[in-house]
PDB file of all heavy atoms in Angstrom:
ATOM      1  N   ILE A   1      78.229  84.896 102.804  1.00  0.00           N
ATOM      2  CA  ILE A   1      76.838  85.342 102.765  1.00  0.00           C
ATOM      3  C   ILE A   1      75.971  84.452 103.586  1.00  0.00           C
ATOM      4  O   ILE A   1      75.988  83.220 103.405  1.00  0.00           O
ATOM      5  CB  ILE A   1      76.381  85.422 101.296  1.00  0.00           C
ATOM      6  CG1 ILE A   1      77.277  86.311 100.479  1.00  0.00           C
ATOM      7  CG2 ILE A   1      74.951  85.846 101.198  1.00  0.00           C
ATOM      8  CD1 ILE A   1      77.094  86.261  98.951  1.00  0.00           C
ATOM      9  N   ILE A   2      75.227  85.075 104.503  1.00  0.00           N
ATOM     10  CA  ILE A   2      74.250  84.331 105.339  1.00  0.00           C
ATOM     11  C   ILE A   2      72.896  84.916 105.132  1.00  0.00           C
ATOM     12  O   ILE A   2      72.738  86.183 105.133  1.00  0.00           O
ATOM     13  CB  ILE A   2      74.689  84.453 106.838  1.00  0.00           C
ATOM     14  CG1 ILE A   2      76.045  83.885 107.033  1.00  0.00           C
ATOM     15  CG2 ILE A   2      73.632  83.856 107.736  1.00  0.00           C
ATOM     16  CD1 ILE A   2      76.629  84.122 108.459  1.00  0.00           C
ATOM     17  N   SER A   3      71.921  84.056 104.930  1.00  0.00           N
ATOM     18  CA  SER A   3      70.532  84.508 104.888  1.00  0.00           C
ATOM     19  C   SER A   3      69.776  83.795 106.036  1.00  0.00           C
ATOM     20  O   SER A   3      69.932  82.573 106.196  1.00  0.00           O
ATOM     21  CB  SER A   3      69.858  84.209 103.530  1.00  0.00           C
ATOM     22  OG  SER A   3      70.101  82.870 103.169  1.00  0.00           O
ATOM     23  N   GLN A   4      69.060  84.658 106.826  1.00  0.00           N
ATOM     24  CA  GLN A   4      68.355  84.112 108.005  1.00  0.00           C
ATOM     25  C   GLN A   4      67.048  84.801 108.142  1.00  0.00           C
ATOM     26  O   GLN A   4      66.822  85.928 107.638  1.00  0.00           O
ATOM     27  CB  GLN A   4      69.183  84.387 109.285  1.00  0.00           C
ATOM     28  CG  GLN A   4      70.475  83.614 109.321  1.00  0.00           C
ATOM     29  CD  GLN A   4      70.966  83.407 110.745  1.00  0.00           C
ATOM     30  OE1 GLN A   4      71.935  82.714 110.851  1.00  0.00           O
ATOM     31  NE2 GLN A   4      70.377  83.914 111.764  1.00  0.00           N
ATOM     32  N   HIS A   5      66.154  84.168 108.923  1.00  0.00           N
ATOM     33  CA  HIS A   5      64.806  84.757 109.184  1.00  0.00           C
ATOM     34  C   HIS A   5      64.931  85.889 110.190  1.00  0.00           C
ATOM     35  O   HIS A   5      64.119  86.829 110.125  1.00  0.00           O
ATOM     36  CB  HIS A   5      63.814  83.725 109.609  1.00  0.00           C
ATOM     37  CG  HIS A   5      63.465  82.760 108.467  1.00  0.00           C
ATOM     38  ND1 HIS A   5      62.278  82.884 107.824  1.00  0.00           N
ATOM     39  CD2 HIS A   5      64.125  81.751 107.916  1.00  0.00           C
ATOM     40  CE1 HIS A   5      62.184  81.963 106.898  1.00  0.00           C
ATOM     41  NE2 HIS A   5      63.293  81.254 106.950  1.00  0.00           N
ATOM     42  N   GLN A   6      65.817  85.796 111.104  1.00  0.00           N
ATOM     43  CA  GLN A   6      66.053  86.851 112.074  1.00  0.00           C
ATOM     44  C   GLN A   6      67.517  86.817 112.630  1.00  0.00           C
ATOM     45  O   GLN A   6      68.198  85.825 112.363  1.00  0.00           O
ATOM     46  CB  GLN A   6      65.093  86.657 113.245  1.00  0.00           C
ATOM     47  CG  GLN A   6      65.281  85.421 114.097  1.00  0.00           C
ATOM     48  CD  GLN A   6      64.196  85.271 115.114  1.00  0.00           C
ATOM     49  OE1 GLN A   6      63.033  85.592 114.880  1.00  0.00           O
ATOM     50  NE2 GLN A   6      64.550  84.755 116.269  1.00  0.00           N
ATOM     51  N   LEU A   7      67.940  87.861 113.194  1.00  0.00           N
ATOM     52  CA  LEU A   7      69.273  87.942 113.790  1.00  0.00           C
ATOM     53  C   LEU A   7      69.291  87.053 115.083  1.00  0.00           C
ATOM     54  O   LEU A   7      68.319  87.097 115.849  1.00  0.00           O
ATOM     55  CB  LEU A   7      69.595  89.355 114.104  1.00  0.00           C
ATOM     56  CG  LEU A   7      69.730  90.265 112.929  1.00  0.00           C
ATOM     57  CD1 LEU A   7      70.021  91.717 113.357  1.00  0.00           C
ATOM     58  CD2 LEU A   7      70.787  89.806 111.930  1.00  0.00           C
ATOM     59  N   THR A   8      70.348  86.362 115.281  1.00  0.00           N
ATOM     60  CA  THR A   8      70.544  85.515 116.466  1.00  0.00           C
ATOM     61  C   THR A   8      71.917  85.751 117.049  1.00  0.00           C
ATOM     62  O   THR A   8      72.857  86.175 116.391  1.00  0.00           O
ATOM     63  CB  THR A   8      70.355  84.042 116.147  1.00  0.00           C
ATOM     64  OG1 THR A   8      71.383  83.680 115.210  1.00  0.00           O
ATOM     65  CG2 THR A   8      69.013  83.754 115.543  1.00  0.00           C
ATOM     66  N   PRO A   9      72.068  85.487 118.367  1.00  0.00           N
ATOM     67  CA  PRO A   9      73.351  85.645 119.009  1.00  0.00           C
ATOM     68  C   PRO A   9      74.454  84.824 118.381  1.00  0.00           C
ATOM     69  O   PRO A   9      75.634  85.250 118.459  1.00  0.00           O
ATOM     70  CB  PRO A   9      73.130  85.234 120.468  1.00  0.00           C
ATOM     71  CG  PRO A   9      71.632  85.393 120.651  1.00  0.00           C
ATOM     72  CD  PRO A   9      70.996  85.093 119.341  1.00  0.00           C
ATOM     73  N   GLU A  10      74.148  83.714 117.751  1.00  0.00           N
ATOM     74  CA  GLU A  10      75.180  82.893 117.098  1.00  0.00           C
ATOM     75  C   GLU A  10      75.915  83.631 116.009  1.00  0.00           C
ATOM     76  O   GLU A  10      77.004  83.192 115.611  1.00  0.00           O
ATOM     77  CB  GLU A  10      74.508  81.618 116.582  1.00  0.00           C
ATOM     78  CG  GLU A  10      73.999  80.637 117.561  1.00  0.00           C
ATOM     79  CD  GLU A  10      72.667  81.051 118.158  1.00  0.00           C
ATOM     80  OE1 GLU A  10      71.993  81.975 117.649  1.00  0.00           O
ATOM     81  OE2 GLU A  10      72.279  80.462 119.180  1.00  0.00           O
ATOM     82  N   LEU A  11      75.344  84.697 115.543  1.00  0.00           N
ATOM     83  CA  LEU A  11      76.045  85.515 114.479  1.00  0.00           C
ATOM     84  C   LEU A  11      77.222  86.274 114.947  1.00  0.00           C
ATOM     85  O   LEU A  11      78.060  86.726 114.172  1.00  0.00           O
ATOM     86  CB  LEU A  11      75.072  86.435 113.823  1.00  0.00           C
ATOM     87  CG  LEU A  11      73.934  85.753 112.966  1.00  0.00           C
ATOM     88  CD1 LEU A  11      72.871  86.744 112.603  1.00  0.00           C
ATOM     89  CD2 LEU A  11      74.569  85.090 111.739  1.00  0.00           C
ATOM     90  N   MET A  12      77.402  86.437 116.293  1.00  0.00           N
ATOM     91  CA  MET A  12      78.557  87.186 116.817  1.00  0.00           C
ATOM     92  C   MET A  12      79.918  86.537 116.429  1.00  0.00           C
ATOM     93  O   MET A  12      80.830  87.283 116.110  1.00  0.00           O
ATOM     94  CB  MET A  12      78.469  87.193 118.347  1.00  0.00           C
ATOM     95  CG  MET A  12      77.400  88.159 118.850  1.00  0.00           C
ATOM     96  SD  MET A  12      77.473  88.195 120.653  1.00  0.00           S
ATOM     97  CE  MET A  12      75.765  87.899 120.974  1.00  0.00           C
ATOM     98  N   GLU A  13      79.974  85.266 116.393  1.00  0.00           N
ATOM     99  CA  GLU A  13      81.231  84.593 116.026  1.00  0.00           C
ATOM    100  C   GLU A  13      81.659  84.910 114.570  1.00  0.00           C
ATOM    101  O   GLU A  13      82.751  85.399 114.338  1.00  0.00           O
ATOM    102  CB  GLU A  13      81.140  83.089 116.273  1.00  0.00           C
ATOM    103  CG  GLU A  13      82.445  82.366 116.250  1.00  0.00           C
ATOM    104  CD  GLU A  13      82.876  81.953 114.850  1.00  0.00           C
ATOM    105  OE1 GLU A  13      81.986  81.587 114.077  1.00  0.00           O
ATOM    106  OE2 GLU A  13      84.071  82.000 114.551  1.00  0.00           O
ATOM    107  N   PRO A  14      80.773  84.659 113.521  1.00  0.00           N
ATOM    108  CA  PRO A  14      81.208  85.036 112.184  1.00  0.00           C
ATOM    109  C   PRO A  14      81.427  86.561 112.042  1.00  0.00           C
ATOM    110  O   PRO A  14      82.304  86.974 111.280  1.00  0.00           O
ATOM    111  CB  PRO A  14      80.091  84.494 111.279  1.00  0.00           C
ATOM    112  CG  PRO A  14      78.970  84.170 112.152  1.00  0.00           C
ATOM    113  CD  PRO A  14      79.507  83.912 113.517  1.00  0.00           C
ATOM    114  N   ILE A  15      80.671  87.347 112.757  1.00  0.00           N
ATOM    115  CA  ILE A  15      80.871  88.825 112.687  1.00  0.00           C
ATOM    116  C   ILE A  15      82.289  89.157 113.236  1.00  0.00           C
ATOM    117  O   ILE A  15      82.957  89.970 112.652  1.00  0.00           O
ATOM    118  CB  ILE A  15      79.764  89.501 113.537  1.00  0.00           C
ATOM    119  CG1 ILE A  15      78.439  89.482 112.805  1.00  0.00           C
ATOM    120  CG2 ILE A  15      80.186  90.959 113.879  1.00  0.00           C
ATOM    121  CD1 ILE A  15      77.224  89.969 113.602  1.00  0.00           C
ATOM    122  N   SER A  16      82.673  88.511 114.262  1.00  0.00           N
ATOM    123  CA  SER A  16      84.005  88.757 114.834  1.00  0.00           C
ATOM    124  C   SER A  16      85.160  88.424 113.907  1.00  0.00           C
ATOM    125  O   SER A  16      86.258  88.927 114.009  1.00  0.00           O
ATOM    126  CB  SER A  16      84.206  88.039 116.184  1.00  0.00           C
ATOM    127  OG  SER A  16      84.421  86.641 115.947  1.00  0.00           O
ATOM    128  N   ARG A  17      84.894  87.555 112.937  1.00  0.00           N
ATOM    129  CA  ARG A  17      85.936  87.133 111.976  1.00  0.00           C
ATOM    130  C   ARG A  17      86.030  88.058 110.738  1.00  0.00           C
ATOM    131  O   ARG A  17      86.922  87.902 109.949  1.00  0.00           O
ATOM    132  CB  ARG A  17      85.690  85.713 111.544  1.00  0.00           C
ATOM    133  CG  ARG A  17      85.927  84.664 112.576  1.00  0.00           C
ATOM    134  CD  ARG A  17      85.837  83.248 112.040  1.00  0.00           C
ATOM    135  NE  ARG A  17      84.421  82.809 111.938  1.00  0.00           N
ATOM    136  CZ  ARG A  17      83.730  82.610 110.754  1.00  0.00           C
ATOM    137  NH1 ARG A  17      84.344  82.795 109.672  1.00  0.00           N
ATOM    138  NH2 ARG A  17      82.467  82.255 110.782  1.00  0.00           N
ATOM    139  N   ALA A  18      85.054  88.922 110.583  1.00  0.00           N
ATOM    140  CA  ALA A  18      84.982  89.762 109.380  1.00  0.00           C
ATOM    141  C   ALA A  18      85.729  91.130 109.497  1.00  0.00           C
ATOM    142  O   ALA A  18      85.760  91.681 110.644  1.00  0.00           O
ATOM    143  CB  ALA A  18      83.532  89.965 109.025  1.00  0.00           C
ATOM    144  N   ALA A  19      86.198  91.631 108.386  1.00  0.00           N
ATOM    145  CA  ALA A  19      86.702  93.005 108.419  1.00  0.00           C
ATOM    146  C   ALA A  19      85.555  93.982 108.198  1.00  0.00           C
ATOM    147  O   ALA A  19      85.583  95.123 108.649  1.00  0.00           O
ATOM    148  CB  ALA A  19      87.725  93.156 107.307  1.00  0.00           C
ATOM    149  N   HIS A  20      84.533  93.621 107.471  1.00  0.00           N
ATOM    150  CA  HIS A  20      83.401  94.421 107.147  1.00  0.00           C
ATOM    151  C   HIS A  20      82.121  93.543 107.148  1.00  0.00           C
ATOM    152  O   HIS A  20      82.103  92.452 106.614  1.00  0.00           O
ATOM    153  CB  HIS A  20      83.569  95.134 105.808  1.00  0.00           C
ATOM    154  CG  HIS A  20      82.483  96.135 105.539  1.00  0.00           C
ATOM    155  ND1 HIS A  20      81.650  96.046 104.506  1.00  0.00           N
ATOM    156  CD2 HIS A  20      82.162  97.310 106.155  1.00  0.00           C
ATOM    157  CE1 HIS A  20      80.788  97.037 104.520  1.00  0.00           C
ATOM    158  NE2 HIS A  20      81.123  97.843 105.497  1.00  0.00           N
ATOM    159  N   VAL A  21      81.065  94.078 107.775  1.00  0.00           N
ATOM    160  CA  VAL A  21      79.825  93.351 107.783  1.00  0.00           C
ATOM    161  C   VAL A  21      78.765  94.209 107.172  1.00  0.00           C
ATOM    162  O   VAL A  21      78.632  95.443 107.473  1.00  0.00           O
ATOM    163  CB  VAL A  21      79.338  92.999 109.221  1.00  0.00           C
ATOM    164  CG1 VAL A  21      77.997  92.307 109.243  1.00  0.00           C
ATOM    165  CG2 VAL A  21      80.391  92.098 109.916  1.00  0.00           C
ATOM    166  N   ILE A  22      77.982  93.620 106.324  1.00  0.00           N
ATOM    167  CA  ILE A  22      76.829  94.306 105.698  1.00  0.00           C
ATOM    168  C   ILE A  22      75.530  93.553 106.142  1.00  0.00           C
ATOM    169  O   ILE A  22      75.348  92.404 105.876  1.00  0.00           O
ATOM    170  CB  ILE A  22      76.912  94.248 104.112  1.00  0.00           C
ATOM    171  CG1 ILE A  22      78.156  94.994 103.693  1.00  0.00           C
ATOM    172  CG2 ILE A  22      75.605  94.853 103.511  1.00  0.00           C
ATOM    173  CD1 ILE A  22      78.452  94.875 102.177  1.00  0.00           C
ATOM    174  N   PHE A  23      74.687  94.293 106.832  1.00  0.00           N
ATOM    175  CA  PHE A  23      73.395  93.779 107.239  1.00  0.00           C
ATOM    176  C   PHE A  23      72.332  94.279 106.274  1.00  0.00           C
ATOM    177  O   PHE A  23      72.452  95.498 105.817  1.00  0.00           O
ATOM    178  CB  PHE A  23      72.979  94.332 108.628  1.00  0.00           C
ATOM    179  CG  PHE A  23      73.872  93.839 109.796  1.00  0.00           C
ATOM    180  CD1 PHE A  23      74.983  94.572 110.168  1.00  0.00           C
ATOM    181  CD2 PHE A  23      73.543  92.668 110.418  1.00  0.00           C
ATOM    182  CE1 PHE A  23      75.737  94.146 111.263  1.00  0.00           C
ATOM    183  CE2 PHE A  23      74.346  92.201 111.487  1.00  0.00           C
ATOM    184  CZ  PHE A  23      75.456  92.947 111.889  1.00  0.00           C
ATOM    185  N   ILE A  24      71.389  93.492 105.882  1.00  0.00           N
ATOM    186  CA  ILE A  24      70.378  93.893 104.930  1.00  0.00           C
ATOM    187  C   ILE A  24      69.014  93.477 105.498  1.00  0.00           C
ATOM    188  O   ILE A  24      68.828  92.278 105.817  1.00  0.00           O
ATOM    189  CB  ILE A  24      70.588  93.284 103.503  1.00  0.00           C
ATOM    190  CG1 ILE A  24      72.052  93.592 103.032  1.00  0.00           C
ATOM    191  CG2 ILE A  24      69.543  93.804 102.573  1.00  0.00           C
ATOM    192  CD1 ILE A  24      72.460  92.741 101.857  1.00  0.00           C
ATOM    193  N   ASP A  25      68.113  94.410 105.570  1.00  0.00           N
ATOM    194  CA  ASP A  25      66.797  94.103 106.163  1.00  0.00           C
ATOM    195  C   ASP A  25      65.718  94.989 105.510  1.00  0.00           C
ATOM    196  O   ASP A  25      66.021  96.003 104.870  1.00  0.00           O
ATOM    197  CB  ASP A  25      66.833  94.404 107.647  1.00  0.00           C
ATOM    198  CG  ASP A  25      65.615  93.912 108.429  1.00  0.00           C
ATOM    199  OD1 ASP A  25      64.875  93.112 107.881  1.00  0.00           O
ATOM    200  OD2 ASP A  25      65.432  94.391 109.583  1.00  0.00           O
ATOM    201  N   SER A  26      64.460  94.636 105.686  1.00  0.00           N
ATOM    202  CA  SER A  26      63.377  95.439 105.283  1.00  0.00           C
ATOM    203  C   SER A  26      63.036  96.436 106.388  1.00  0.00           C
ATOM    204  O   SER A  26      63.573  96.356 107.543  1.00  0.00           O
ATOM    205  CB  SER A  26      62.140  94.613 104.961  1.00  0.00           C
ATOM    206  OG  SER A  26      61.696  93.922 106.135  1.00  0.00           O
ATOM    207  N   SER A  27      62.161  97.378 106.154  1.00  0.00           N
ATOM    208  CA  SER A  27      61.746  98.367 107.152  1.00  0.00           C
ATOM    209  C   SER A  27      60.312  98.679 107.002  1.00  0.00           C
ATOM    210  O   SER A  27      59.781  98.659 105.876  1.00  0.00           O
ATOM    211  CB  SER A  27      62.631  99.626 106.995  1.00  0.00           C
ATOM    212  OG  SER A  27      62.135 100.638 107.808  1.00  0.00           O
ATOM    213  N   VAL A  28      59.672  98.975 108.064  1.00  0.00           N
ATOM    214  CA  VAL A  28      58.226  99.341 107.979  1.00  0.00           C
ATOM    215  C   VAL A  28      58.061 100.887 107.862  1.00  0.00           C
ATOM    216  O   VAL A  28      56.989 101.364 107.592  1.00  0.00           O
ATOM    217  CB  VAL A  28      57.401  98.870 109.221  1.00  0.00           C
ATOM    218  CG1 VAL A  28      57.352  97.357 109.252  1.00  0.00           C
ATOM    219  CG2 VAL A  28      57.962  99.422 110.453  1.00  0.00           C
ATOM    220  N   SER A  29      59.154 101.642 107.965  1.00  0.00           N
ATOM    221  CA  SER A  29      59.076 103.071 107.872  1.00  0.00           C
ATOM    222  C   SER A  29      59.955 103.572 106.661  1.00  0.00           C
ATOM    223  O   SER A  29      60.976 102.985 106.403  1.00  0.00           O
ATOM    224  CB  SER A  29      59.450 103.750 109.196  1.00  0.00           C
ATOM    225  OG  SER A  29      60.803 103.456 109.489  1.00  0.00           O
ATOM    226  N   GLY A  30      59.566 104.652 106.167  1.00  0.00           N
ATOM    227  CA  GLY A  30      60.253 105.265 105.003  1.00  0.00           C
ATOM    228  C   GLY A  30      59.535 105.018 103.723  1.00  0.00           C
ATOM    229  O   GLY A  30      58.517 104.394 103.669  1.00  0.00           O
ATOM    230  N   ARG A  31      60.080 105.571 102.655  1.00  0.00           N
ATOM    231  CA  ARG A  31      59.471 105.508 101.361  1.00  0.00           C
ATOM    232  C   ARG A  31      59.663 104.138 100.761  1.00  0.00           C
ATOM    233  O   ARG A  31      60.808 103.696 100.636  1.00  0.00           O
ATOM    234  CB  ARG A  31      60.042 106.594 100.407  1.00  0.00           C
ATOM    235  CG  ARG A  31      59.233 106.721  99.120  1.00  0.00           C
ATOM    236  CD  ARG A  31      59.834 107.741  98.226  1.00  0.00           C
ATOM    237  NE  ARG A  31      60.957 107.077  97.602  1.00  0.00           N
ATOM    238  CZ  ARG A  31      61.975 107.702  97.002  1.00  0.00           C
ATOM    239  NH1 ARG A  31      61.967 108.985  96.935  1.00  0.00           N
ATOM    240  NH2 ARG A  31      62.926 107.028  96.408  1.00  0.00           N
ATOM    241  N   ALA A  32      58.596 103.465 100.486  1.00  0.00           N
ATOM    242  CA  ALA A  32      58.662 102.092  99.969  1.00  0.00           C
ATOM    243  C   ALA A  32      59.583 101.969  98.760  1.00  0.00           C
ATOM    244  O   ALA A  32      59.472 102.810  97.825  1.00  0.00           O
ATOM    245  CB  ALA A  32      57.294 101.554  99.609  1.00  0.00           C
ATOM    246  N   GLY A  33      60.511 101.063  98.776  1.00  0.00           N
ATOM    247  CA  GLY A  33      61.353 100.783  97.661  1.00  0.00           C
ATOM    248  C   GLY A  33      62.634 101.576  97.628  1.00  0.00           C
ATOM    249  O   GLY A  33      63.501 101.459  96.750  1.00  0.00           O
ATOM    250  N   LYS A  34      62.810 102.535  98.567  1.00  0.00           N
ATOM    251  CA  LYS A  34      64.064 103.292  98.634  1.00  0.00           C
ATOM    252  C   LYS A  34      65.130 102.543  99.442  1.00  0.00           C
ATOM    253  O   LYS A  34      64.741 101.972 100.449  1.00  0.00           O
ATOM    254  CB  LYS A  34      63.825 104.609  99.284  1.00  0.00           C
ATOM    255  CG  LYS A  34      65.014 105.512  99.364  1.00  0.00           C
ATOM    256  CD  LYS A  34      64.662 106.810 100.113  1.00  0.00           C
ATOM    257  CE  LYS A  34      65.793 107.804 100.280  1.00  0.00           C
ATOM    258  NZ  LYS A  34      67.094 107.401 100.247  1.00  0.00           N
ATOM    259  N   VAL A  35      66.336 102.488  98.968  1.00  0.00           N
ATOM    260  CA  VAL A  35      67.380 101.798  99.693  1.00  0.00           C
ATOM    261  C   VAL A  35      68.087 102.856 100.624  1.00  0.00           C
ATOM    262  O   VAL A  35      68.483 103.904 100.167  1.00  0.00           O
ATOM    263  CB  VAL A  35      68.412 101.159  98.769  1.00  0.00           C
ATOM    264  CG1 VAL A  35      69.545 100.509  99.575  1.00  0.00           C
ATOM    265  CG2 VAL A  35      67.746 100.125  97.843  1.00  0.00           C
ATOM    266  N   ASN A  36      68.125 102.511 101.894  1.00  0.00           N
ATOM    267  CA  ASN A  36      68.840 103.419 102.885  1.00  0.00           C
ATOM    268  C   ASN A  36      70.081 102.730 103.341  1.00  0.00           C
ATOM    269  O   ASN A  36      70.098 101.530 103.608  1.00  0.00           O
ATOM    270  CB  ASN A  36      67.898 103.635 104.067  1.00  0.00           C
ATOM    271  CG  ASN A  36      66.580 104.309 103.685  1.00  0.00           C
ATOM    272  OD1 ASN A  36      66.595 105.401 103.153  1.00  0.00           O
ATOM    273  ND2 ASN A  36      65.499 103.644 103.894  1.00  0.00           N
ATOM    274  N   ARG A  37      71.157 103.512 103.395  1.00  0.00           N
ATOM    275  CA  ARG A  37      72.494 103.013 103.870  1.00  0.00           C
ATOM    276  C   ARG A  37      72.766 103.683 105.159  1.00  0.00           C
ATOM    277  O   ARG A  37      72.786 104.931 105.267  1.00  0.00           O
ATOM    278  CB  ARG A  37      73.535 103.365 102.807  1.00  0.00           C
ATOM    279  CG  ARG A  37      74.908 102.851 103.207  1.00  0.00           C
ATOM    280  CD  ARG A  37      75.960 103.234 102.103  1.00  0.00           C
ATOM    281  NE  ARG A  37      77.218 102.672 102.376  1.00  0.00           N
ATOM    282  CZ  ARG A  37      78.119 103.276 103.170  1.00  0.00           C
ATOM    283  NH1 ARG A  37      77.868 104.402 103.676  1.00  0.00           N
ATOM    284  NH2 ARG A  37      79.299 102.681 103.367  1.00  0.00           N
TER     285      ARG A  37
END
């Protein structure tokens, strides 16, 4: 589990080692409080 202020190119290396990656972010569009997958 990694928590960061923003996505950076350095994340490519741990991404390449994973079988599955889950990104989680906020959004300025959509119904507030709804989770979109």
